Amino acid sequence: MTAFDSLDGTNAEALRRLAAGARGIEVIWAREQTAGRGRDGRSWSSPLGNLYVSFLAEAPRGRPPAEIAFVAAVAAGEAILGCGAAGVDLRYKWPNDLLVAGRKAGGILIEGDGSGGLAIGIGINVESAPAVASWPATCLHDEGAAGTTVEVLRDSLIAAFLASFARWRREGFSPVREAWQARAYGIGEAMRARLPDGSVFDGVFVALGDDGALLLDQGPQGVRRIAAGEIMPMAG
C-alpha cells in the first residue's frame, strides 16, 4: 500500500501509475483528497476522517470490466459490516452507491486506461457526511458505528477486496451477483431509471443481469436491460 497525507485523488494517482506502465494489483490510500471525483465528473468532497482508497487491477480476460464495480461494492459492504457496523441497514444501490439506513455512505468509481488497466476507487463516509446533491448522505459514526476508525476500515476493505477480486477471477460473476442482490436497494420494487441521455423508464427492478445491467420489468412492454444510468423510487 502507498499512503499519502493529501492527494488530488486516489484514482487520479492510480491512472498516472497505469499510464507509467504499472500492472498488477496496487493499493493507494489518502487521508484526504483535494480534487476527489465521483461518476460523470462529479465532485466528491473528501475531508479528513473519511476513507479514500483506490486499487490498480486488470479485469480477467473475457470478463466485462463493468462487473468489477459490484466486486468492489460487495467488498466494501463486507468491510463495513465487519468493523463495528454489523447492525446497520446496508444496501447496494445500482450501479455504484453504498447506502446505510437509506442514505448515501459511500460510492465507487471505476476508470480505465484503455488497455485493460483499471483504477477502482472506493470512498466511504466514516466521521462526516458531506452533502450529496442527488441523495441524502450519512456517515458510519452517525449510524451507530462510532468506534469505527479509518485505519481499521481501510485494512478490512483491502483484505475484503483482494478476497472478492480473487473469487471473481476464480468463480466468475455469479457469486458476486448473488451477494450484491442479497442487499440490493429497491429490488422487487417500482423504480424509475434515468439514462445518461436523459430518457426515463419506469418498472419493477427484478434482478441484476449476469453482466451487471439492471433488469426493469415494464409489464406488457417486457423486461428492459439498462446498462448505465441512475435509479430512484417512483413517487407515490
C-alpha atoms as a PDB file:
ATOM      1  CA  MET A   1       0.000   0.000   0.000  1.00  0.00           C
ATOM      2  CA  THR A   2       1.155   3.532  -0.830  1.00  0.00           C
ATOM      3  CA  ALA A   3      -0.136   6.110   1.660  1.00  0.00           C
ATOM      4  CA  PHE A   4      -0.499   9.876   1.275  1.00  0.00           C
ATOM      5  CA  ASP A   5      -1.485  12.524   3.798  1.00  0.00           C
ATOM      6  CA  SER A   6      -3.074  14.527   0.978  1.00  0.00           C
ATOM      7  CA  LEU A   7      -3.596  13.818  -2.715  1.00  0.00           C
ATOM      8  CA  ASP A   8      -5.621  15.285  -5.562  1.00  0.00           C
ATOM      9  CA  GLY A   9      -7.364  11.927  -5.864  1.00  0.00           C
ATOM     10  CA  THR A  10      -6.502   8.284  -5.328  1.00  0.00           C
ATOM     11  CA  ASN A  11      -7.977   7.356  -8.709  1.00  0.00           C
ATOM     12  CA  ALA A  12      -6.017  10.154 -10.372  1.00  0.00           C
ATOM     13  CA  GLU A  13      -2.842   8.704  -8.868  1.00  0.00           C
ATOM     14  CA  ALA A  14      -3.854   5.209  -9.965  1.00  0.00           C
ATOM     15  CA  LEU A  15      -4.370   6.422 -13.543  1.00  0.00           C
ATOM     16  CA  ARG A  16      -0.977   8.127 -13.508  1.00  0.00           C
ATOM     17  CA  ARG A  17       0.622   4.870 -12.444  1.00  0.00           C
ATOM     18  CA  LEU A  18      -1.214   2.937 -15.130  1.00  0.00           C
ATOM     19  CA  ALA A  19      -0.031   5.471 -17.721  1.00  0.00           C
ATOM     20  CA  ALA A  20       3.526   4.907 -16.482  1.00  0.00           C
ATOM     21  CA  GLY A  21       3.171   1.174 -17.106  1.00  0.00           C
ATOM     22  CA  ALA A  22       2.145  -0.168 -13.697  1.00  0.00           C
ATOM     23  CA  ARG A  23       0.395  -3.534 -13.768  1.00  0.00           C
ATOM     24  CA  GLY A  24      -0.734  -5.995 -11.133  1.00  0.00           C
ATOM     25  CA  ILE A  25      -2.648  -5.060  -8.006  1.00  0.00           C
ATOM     26  CA  GLU A  26      -1.584  -1.949  -6.107  1.00  0.00           C
ATOM     27  CA  VAL A  27      -3.342  -0.058  -3.311  1.00  0.00           C
ATOM     28  CA  ILE A  28      -3.365   3.730  -2.889  1.00  0.00           C
ATOM     29  CA  TRP A  29      -4.749   5.417   0.229  1.00  0.00           C
ATOM     30  CA  ALA A  30      -5.032   9.103   1.087  1.00  0.00           C
ATOM     31  CA  ARG A  31      -6.156  10.723   4.324  1.00  0.00           C
ATOM     32  CA  GLU A  32      -7.797  13.472   2.281  1.00  0.00           C
ATOM     33  CA  GLN A  33      -8.375  14.321  -1.374  1.00  0.00           C
ATOM     34  CA  THR A  34      -8.203  17.859  -2.708  1.00  0.00           C
ATOM     35  CA  ALA A  35      -9.959  17.094  -6.005  1.00  0.00           C
ATOM     36  CA  GLY A  36     -11.935  13.908  -5.392  1.00  0.00           C
ATOM     37  CA  ARG A  37     -14.268  12.783  -8.163  1.00  0.00           C
ATOM     38  CA  GLY A  38     -17.371  10.672  -8.457  1.00  0.00           C
ATOM     39  CA  ARG A  39     -19.126   9.308 -11.523  1.00  0.00           C
ATOM     40  CA  ASP A  40     -19.678  11.578 -14.526  1.00  0.00           C
ATOM     41  CA  GLY A  41     -17.028  14.007 -13.285  1.00  0.00           C
ATOM     42  CA  ARG A  42     -18.985  14.998 -10.188  1.00  0.00           C
ATOM     43  CA  SER A  43     -17.016  16.435  -7.294  1.00  0.00           C
ATOM     44  CA  TRP A  44     -16.595  14.110  -4.295  1.00  0.00           C
ATOM     45  CA  SER A  45     -15.997  16.092  -1.091  1.00  0.00           C
ATOM     46  CA  SER A  46     -13.072  14.388   0.643  1.00  0.00           C
ATOM     47  CA  PRO A  47     -12.219  15.824   4.078  1.00  0.00           C
ATOM     48  CA  LEU A  48     -10.048  14.216   6.728  1.00  0.00           C
ATOM     49  CA  GLY A  49     -11.817  11.482   8.679  1.00  0.00           C
ATOM     50  CA  ASN A  50     -13.315   9.527   5.789  1.00  0.00           C
ATOM     51  CA  LEU A  51     -11.867   6.675   3.734  1.00  0.00           C
ATOM     52  CA  TYR A  52     -10.415   7.084   0.223  1.00  0.00           C
ATOM     53  CA  VAL A  53      -8.799   4.047  -1.378  1.00  0.00           C
ATOM     54  CA  SER A  54      -8.056   3.062  -4.968  1.00  0.00           C
ATOM     55  CA  PHE A  55      -6.906  -0.266  -6.341  1.00  0.00           C
ATOM     56  CA  LEU A  56      -4.992  -0.836  -9.563  1.00  0.00           C
ATOM     57  CA  ALA A  57      -6.043  -4.076 -11.218  1.00  0.00           C
ATOM     58  CA  GLU A  58      -6.765  -5.746 -14.527  1.00  0.00           C
ATOM     59  CA  ALA A  59     -10.044  -7.425 -15.413  1.00  0.00           C
ATOM     60  CA  PRO A  60      -9.636 -11.130 -16.166  1.00  0.00           C
ATOM     61  CA  ARG A  61      -9.632 -11.832 -19.881  1.00  0.00           C
ATOM     62  CA  GLY A  62     -13.166 -12.346 -21.124  1.00  0.00           C
ATOM     63  CA  ARG A  63     -14.841 -10.684 -18.128  1.00  0.00           C
ATOM     64  CA  PRO A  64     -16.664  -7.349 -18.658  1.00  0.00           C
ATOM     65  CA  PRO A  65     -14.841  -4.607 -16.704  1.00  0.00           C
ATOM     66  CA  ALA A  66     -18.231  -3.269 -15.506  1.00  0.00           C
ATOM     67  CA  GLU A  67     -18.542  -6.292 -13.216  1.00  0.00           C
ATOM     68  CA  ILE A  68     -15.741  -5.010 -11.013  1.00  0.00           C
ATOM     69  CA  ALA A  69     -17.959  -2.233  -9.611  1.00  0.00           C
ATOM     70  CA  PHE A  70     -20.057  -4.948  -7.985  1.00  0.00           C
ATOM     71  CA  VAL A  71     -16.951  -6.798  -6.790  1.00  0.00           C
ATOM     72  CA  ALA A  72     -15.872  -3.555  -5.108  1.00  0.00           C
ATOM     73  CA  ALA A  73     -19.332  -2.891  -3.642  1.00  0.00           C
ATOM     74  CA  VAL A  74     -19.557  -6.331  -2.043  1.00  0.00           C
ATOM     75  CA  ALA A  75     -16.052  -5.940  -0.616  1.00  0.00           C
ATOM     76  CA  ALA A  76     -16.899  -2.513   0.805  1.00  0.00           C
ATOM     77  CA  GLY A  77     -20.079  -3.885   2.346  1.00  0.00           C
ATOM     78  CA  GLU A  78     -18.214  -6.751   3.981  1.00  0.00           C
ATOM     79  CA  ALA A  79     -15.638  -4.318   5.359  1.00  0.00           C
ATOM     80  CA  ILE A  80     -18.290  -2.007   6.818  1.00  0.00           C
ATOM     81  CA  LEU A  81     -20.235  -4.846   8.428  1.00  0.00           C
ATOM     82  CA  GLY A  82     -17.039  -6.303   9.869  1.00  0.00           C
ATOM     83  CA  CYS A  83     -15.845  -3.075  11.500  1.00  0.00           C
ATOM     84  CA  GLY A  84     -18.327  -2.336  14.254  1.00  0.00           C
ATOM     85  CA  ALA A  85     -21.289  -1.676  11.978  1.00  0.00           C
ATOM     86  CA  ALA A  86     -22.782  -5.165  11.871  1.00  0.00           C
ATOM     87  CA  GLY A  87     -26.244  -3.920  12.815  1.00  0.00           C
ATOM     88  CA  VAL A  88     -26.614  -1.204  10.184  1.00  0.00           C
ATOM     89  CA  ASP A  89     -29.057  -1.449   7.290  1.00  0.00           C
ATOM     90  CA  LEU A  90     -26.515  -1.664   4.466  1.00  0.00           C
ATOM     91  CA  ARG A  91     -27.751  -1.657   0.865  1.00  0.00           C
ATOM     92  CA  TYR A  92     -26.124  -1.567  -2.548  1.00  0.00           C
ATOM     93  CA  LYS A  93     -27.744   0.989  -4.828  1.00  0.00           C
ATOM     94  CA  TRP A  94     -27.307   0.309  -8.526  1.00  0.00           C
ATOM     95  CA  PRO A  95     -24.927   0.953 -10.070  1.00  0.00           C
ATOM     96  CA  ASN A  96     -22.247   2.132  -7.633  1.00  0.00           C
ATOM     97  CA  ASP A  97     -23.516   3.520  -4.312  1.00  0.00           C
ATOM     98  CA  LEU A  98     -23.402   2.262  -0.734  1.00  0.00           C
ATOM     99  CA  LEU A  99     -26.429   3.160   1.390  1.00  0.00           C
ATOM    100  CA  VAL A 100     -26.779   2.943   5.154  1.00  0.00           C
ATOM    101  CA  ALA A 101     -30.275   3.459   6.563  1.00  0.00           C
ATOM    102  CA  GLY A 102     -31.336   4.655   3.114  1.00  0.00           C
ATOM    103  CA  ARG A 103     -28.689   7.394   2.948  1.00  0.00           C
ATOM    104  CA  LYS A 104     -25.537   7.518   0.870  1.00  0.00           C
ATOM    105  CA  ALA A 105     -22.497   6.439   2.875  1.00  0.00           C
ATOM    106  CA  GLY A 106     -20.102   5.665   0.053  1.00  0.00           C
ATOM    107  CA  GLY A 107     -19.511   5.282  -3.628  1.00  0.00           C
ATOM    108  CA  ILE A 108     -17.379   3.543  -6.218  1.00  0.00           C
ATOM    109  CA  LEU A 109     -15.660   4.953  -9.296  1.00  0.00           C
ATOM    110  CA  ILE A 110     -14.226   2.682 -11.991  1.00  0.00           C
ATOM    111  CA  GLU A 111     -11.912   4.181 -14.606  1.00  0.00           C
ATOM    112  CA  GLY A 112      -9.749   2.536 -17.249  1.00  0.00           C
ATOM    113  CA  ASP A 113      -6.611   3.365 -19.183  1.00  0.00           C
ATOM    114  CA  GLY A 114      -7.906   1.921 -22.454  1.00  0.00           C
ATOM    115  CA  SER A 115      -5.553  -1.051 -22.422  1.00  0.00           C
ATOM    116  CA  GLY A 116      -7.031  -3.244 -19.707  1.00  0.00           C
ATOM    117  CA  GLY A 117      -5.758  -1.425 -16.636  1.00  0.00           C
ATOM    118  CA  LEU A 118      -8.393  -0.326 -14.132  1.00  0.00           C
ATOM    119  CA  ALA A 119      -8.496   2.222 -11.320  1.00  0.00           C
ATOM    120  CA  ILE A 120     -11.092   1.141  -8.756  1.00  0.00           C
ATOM    121  CA  GLY A 121     -11.863   3.958  -6.338  1.00  0.00           C
ATOM    122  CA  ILE A 122     -13.869   3.451  -3.144  1.00  0.00           C
ATOM    123  CA  GLY A 123     -14.926   6.260  -0.820  1.00  0.00           C
ATOM    124  CA  ILE A 124     -16.724   5.660   2.488  1.00  0.00           C
ATOM    125  CA  ASN A 125     -18.038   8.313   4.892  1.00  0.00           C
ATOM    126  CA  VAL A 126     -16.690   7.386   8.312  1.00  0.00           C
ATOM    127  CA  GLU A 127     -16.686  10.513  10.502  1.00  0.00           C
ATOM    128  CA  SER A 128     -18.621  13.019   8.395  1.00  0.00           C
ATOM    129  CA  ALA A 129     -21.255  13.110   5.683  1.00  0.00           C
ATOM    130  CA  PRO A 130     -20.530  15.740   3.025  1.00  0.00           C
ATOM    131  CA  ALA A 131     -23.666  16.919   1.265  1.00  0.00           C
ATOM    132  CA  VAL A 132     -24.613  14.996  -1.874  1.00  0.00           C
ATOM    133  CA  ALA A 133     -26.927  16.848  -4.234  1.00  0.00           C
ATOM    134  CA  SER A 134     -28.635  13.769  -5.623  1.00  0.00           C
ATOM    135  CA  TRP A 135     -29.259  11.795  -2.409  1.00  0.00           C
ATOM    136  CA  PRO A 136     -29.339  12.284   1.399  1.00  0.00           C
ATOM    137  CA  ALA A 137     -25.968  11.411   2.955  1.00  0.00           C
ATOM    138  CA  THR A 138     -24.790   9.852   6.197  1.00  0.00           C
ATOM    139  CA  CYS A 139     -21.631   8.505   7.814  1.00  0.00           C
ATOM    140  CA  LEU A 140     -20.865   5.396   9.844  1.00  0.00           C
ATOM    141  CA  HIS A 141     -20.386   7.337  13.082  1.00  0.00           C
ATOM    142  CA  ASP A 142     -23.925   8.728  12.772  1.00  0.00           C
ATOM    143  CA  GLU A 143     -25.355   5.253  12.206  1.00  0.00           C
ATOM    144  CA  GLY A 144     -24.201   3.540  15.391  1.00  0.00           C
ATOM    145  CA  ALA A 145     -20.618   2.712  14.425  1.00  0.00           C
ATOM    146  CA  ALA A 146     -18.826   5.461  16.350  1.00  0.00           C
ATOM    147  CA  GLY A 147     -15.952   3.122  17.214  1.00  0.00           C
ATOM    148  CA  THR A 148     -15.016   2.525  13.577  1.00  0.00           C
ATOM    149  CA  THR A 149     -11.710   4.142  12.588  1.00  0.00           C
ATOM    150  CA  VAL A 150     -10.491   4.961   9.097  1.00  0.00           C
ATOM    151  CA  GLU A 151      -7.387   2.809   9.520  1.00  0.00           C
ATOM    152  CA  VAL A 152      -9.244  -0.290  10.704  1.00  0.00           C
ATOM    153  CA  LEU A 153     -11.851   0.082   7.956  1.00  0.00           C
ATOM    154  CA  ARG A 154      -9.086   0.613   5.384  1.00  0.00           C
ATOM    155  CA  ASP A 155      -7.322  -2.610   6.348  1.00  0.00           C
ATOM    156  CA  SER A 156     -10.605  -4.518   6.370  1.00  0.00           C
ATOM    157  CA  LEU A 157     -11.512  -3.125   2.941  1.00  0.00           C
ATOM    158  CA  ILE A 158      -8.166  -4.079   1.422  1.00  0.00           C
ATOM    159  CA  ALA A 159      -8.476  -7.652   2.702  1.00  0.00           C
ATOM    160  CA  ALA A 160     -12.101  -7.931   1.565  1.00  0.00           C
ATOM    161  CA  PHE A 161     -11.379  -6.518  -1.891  1.00  0.00           C
ATOM    162  CA  LEU A 162      -8.433  -8.820  -2.527  1.00  0.00           C
ATOM    163  CA  ALA A 163     -10.532 -11.826  -1.478  1.00  0.00           C
ATOM    164  CA  SER A 164     -13.547 -10.709  -3.536  1.00  0.00           C
ATOM    165  CA  PHE A 165     -11.386  -9.980  -6.576  1.00  0.00           C
ATOM    166  CA  ALA A 166      -9.686 -13.379  -6.360  1.00  0.00           C
ATOM    167  CA  ARG A 167     -13.042 -15.139  -6.073  1.00  0.00           C
ATOM    168  CA  TRP A 168     -14.374 -13.233  -9.090  1.00  0.00           C
ATOM    169  CA  ARG A 169     -11.365 -14.301 -11.133  1.00  0.00           C
ATOM    170  CA  ARG A 170     -11.746 -17.888  -9.965  1.00  0.00           C
ATOM    171  CA  GLU A 171     -15.530 -18.375  -9.997  1.00  0.00           C
ATOM    172  CA  GLY A 172     -16.883 -15.650 -12.260  1.00  0.00           C
ATOM    173  CA  PHE A 173     -19.635 -13.119 -11.657  1.00  0.00           C
ATOM    174  CA  SER A 174     -22.364 -15.404 -10.309  1.00  0.00           C
ATOM    175  CA  PRO A 175     -21.336 -15.394  -6.599  1.00  0.00           C
ATOM    176  CA  VAL A 176     -20.688 -11.642  -6.730  1.00  0.00           C
ATOM    177  CA  ARG A 177     -24.107 -11.060  -8.296  1.00  0.00           C
ATOM    178  CA  GLU A 178     -25.775 -13.228  -5.645  1.00  0.00           C
ATOM    179  CA  ALA A 179     -24.090 -11.376  -2.776  1.00  0.00           C
ATOM    180  CA  TRP A 180     -24.908  -7.975  -4.288  1.00  0.00           C
ATOM    181  CA  GLN A 181     -28.565  -8.863  -4.908  1.00  0.00           C
ATOM    182  CA  ALA A 182     -28.981 -10.041  -1.308  1.00  0.00           C
ATOM    183  CA  ARG A 183     -28.557  -6.406  -0.202  1.00  0.00           C
ATOM    184  CA  ALA A 184     -29.788  -4.608  -3.315  1.00  0.00           C
ATOM    185  CA  TYR A 185     -31.680  -1.379  -2.737  1.00  0.00           C
ATOM    186  CA  GLY A 186     -35.114  -1.351  -4.374  1.00  0.00           C
ATOM    187  CA  ILE A 187     -35.114  -4.886  -5.725  1.00  0.00           C
ATOM    188  CA  GLY A 188     -38.686  -6.104  -6.176  1.00  0.00           C
ATOM    189  CA  GLU A 189     -39.974  -2.525  -6.013  1.00  0.00           C
ATOM    190  CA  ALA A 190     -41.239   0.015  -8.530  1.00  0.00           C
ATOM    191  CA  MET A 191     -38.297   2.172  -9.585  1.00  0.00           C
ATOM    192  CA  ARG A 192     -37.525   4.893 -12.089  1.00  0.00           C
ATOM    193  CA  ALA A 193     -34.362   4.608 -14.182  1.00  0.00           C
ATOM    194  CA  ARG A 194     -32.841   7.712 -15.733  1.00  0.00           C
ATOM    195  CA  LEU A 195     -30.346   7.047 -18.520  1.00  0.00           C
ATOM    196  CA  PRO A 196     -27.317   9.218 -19.382  1.00  0.00           C
ATOM    197  CA  ASP A 197     -29.178  10.656 -22.397  1.00  0.00           C
ATOM    198  CA  GLY A 198     -31.994  11.855 -20.119  1.00  0.00           C
ATOM    199  CA  SER A 199     -34.573   9.242 -21.093  1.00  0.00           C
ATOM    200  CA  VAL A 200     -36.633   7.763 -18.255  1.00  0.00           C
ATOM    201  CA  PHE A 201     -38.131   4.301 -17.811  1.00  0.00           C
ATOM    202  CA  ASP A 202     -40.422   3.062 -15.043  1.00  0.00           C
ATOM    203  CA  GLY A 203     -40.882  -0.509 -13.907  1.00  0.00           C
ATOM    204  CA  VAL A 204     -40.099  -3.069 -11.245  1.00  0.00           C
ATOM    205  CA  PHE A 205     -36.441  -3.745 -10.512  1.00  0.00           C
ATOM    206  CA  VAL A 206     -36.489  -7.531 -10.804  1.00  0.00           C
ATOM    207  CA  ALA A 207     -32.826  -8.530 -10.885  1.00  0.00           C
ATOM    208  CA  LEU A 208     -29.232  -7.713 -11.628  1.00  0.00           C
ATOM    209  CA  GLY A 209     -28.305  -9.115 -15.022  1.00  0.00           C
ATOM    210  CA  ASP A 210     -25.479 -11.563 -15.491  1.00  0.00           C
ATOM    211  CA  ASP A 211     -23.353  -8.683 -16.815  1.00  0.00           C
ATOM    212  CA  GLY A 212     -24.283  -6.130 -14.132  1.00  0.00           C
ATOM    213  CA  ALA A 213     -27.121  -4.487 -16.056  1.00  0.00           C
ATOM    214  CA  LEU A 214     -30.292  -3.539 -14.198  1.00  0.00           C
ATOM    215  CA  LEU A 215     -33.334  -5.539 -15.317  1.00  0.00           C
ATOM    216  CA  LEU A 216     -36.531  -3.479 -15.194  1.00  0.00           C
ATOM    217  CA  ASP A 217     -39.864  -5.244 -15.706  1.00  0.00           C
ATOM    218  CA  GLN A 218     -42.155  -2.891 -17.626  1.00  0.00           C
ATOM    219  CA  GLY A 219     -45.132  -5.203 -17.710  1.00  0.00           C
ATOM    220  CA  PRO A 220     -46.595  -5.606 -21.214  1.00  0.00           C
ATOM    221  CA  GLN A 221     -43.510  -3.915 -22.657  1.00  0.00           C
ATOM    222  CA  GLY A 222     -41.304  -6.675 -21.299  1.00  0.00           C
ATOM    223  CA  VAL A 223     -38.069  -6.545 -19.319  1.00  0.00           C
ATOM    224  CA  ARG A 224     -35.736  -3.701 -20.224  1.00  0.00           C
ATOM    225  CA  ARG A 225     -31.993  -4.123 -19.757  1.00  0.00           C
ATOM    226  CA  ILE A 226     -30.334  -0.917 -18.539  1.00  0.00           C
ATOM    227  CA  ALA A 227     -26.550  -0.785 -18.731  1.00  0.00           C
ATOM    228  CA  ALA A 228     -25.950   2.727 -17.367  1.00  0.00           C
ATOM    229  CA  GLY A 229     -27.899   5.365 -15.500  1.00  0.00           C
ATOM    230  CA  GLU A 230     -29.388   6.137 -12.098  1.00  0.00           C
ATOM    231  CA  ILE A 231     -32.368   4.713 -10.230  1.00  0.00           C
ATOM    232  CA  MET A 232     -34.781   6.256  -7.766  1.00  0.00           C
ATOM    233  CA  PRO A 233     -38.079   5.241  -6.175  1.00  0.00           C
ATOM    234  CA  MET A 234     -41.194   6.048  -8.143  1.00  0.00           C
ATOM    235  CA  ALA A 235     -43.215   8.782  -6.452  1.00  0.00           C
ATOM    236  CA  GLY A 236     -46.431   7.514  -4.905  1.00  0.00           C
END
